[in-house]
Amino acid sequence: AGSLLSAIPFPPSSSTSADVLSIGFTNRMVLIVIMRDSTCYTYNLQGELLLPPFTIFPPSTNTKVELLEASIFEGGVAVLTTNMNTAVVELLDEYDDVSYLDGCYFSFRKIVPEG
């Protein structure tokens, strides 16, 4: 067995456990929680948020975004919506080469830690 490292109040405010689509760790020990509305939460092993919560698919005024599937991999998460749109979230940190961003897809967004 092991010892408890931390506890995270869950589910996040205004959500229920039924809203959770997927939970998993990256190879850098980042806990990723994906909600059905495409909100992404990232935590470290101490239970602290690494990034402010963000939506993978920004909400649209005329359509509701709902995820069908989320697959957490060593560097982030890939998601599929119910209308068959896809997105990949890559979590980069100080160990990654910053020149990697030069080749990113034209619609990429950069989300940085607060503070």
Foldseek 3Di string as FASTA:
>chain_A
DDDQLEDEPPDPPPDDPVQWADWDAALVQWIWTAGQQQWIFTAHSNRDTQFPIDHQDPQDPPDGWGWDHWDAYNFFIWTATPVGDIDTDGDDDPVDDPCVVVPDDPPDDDTHHDD
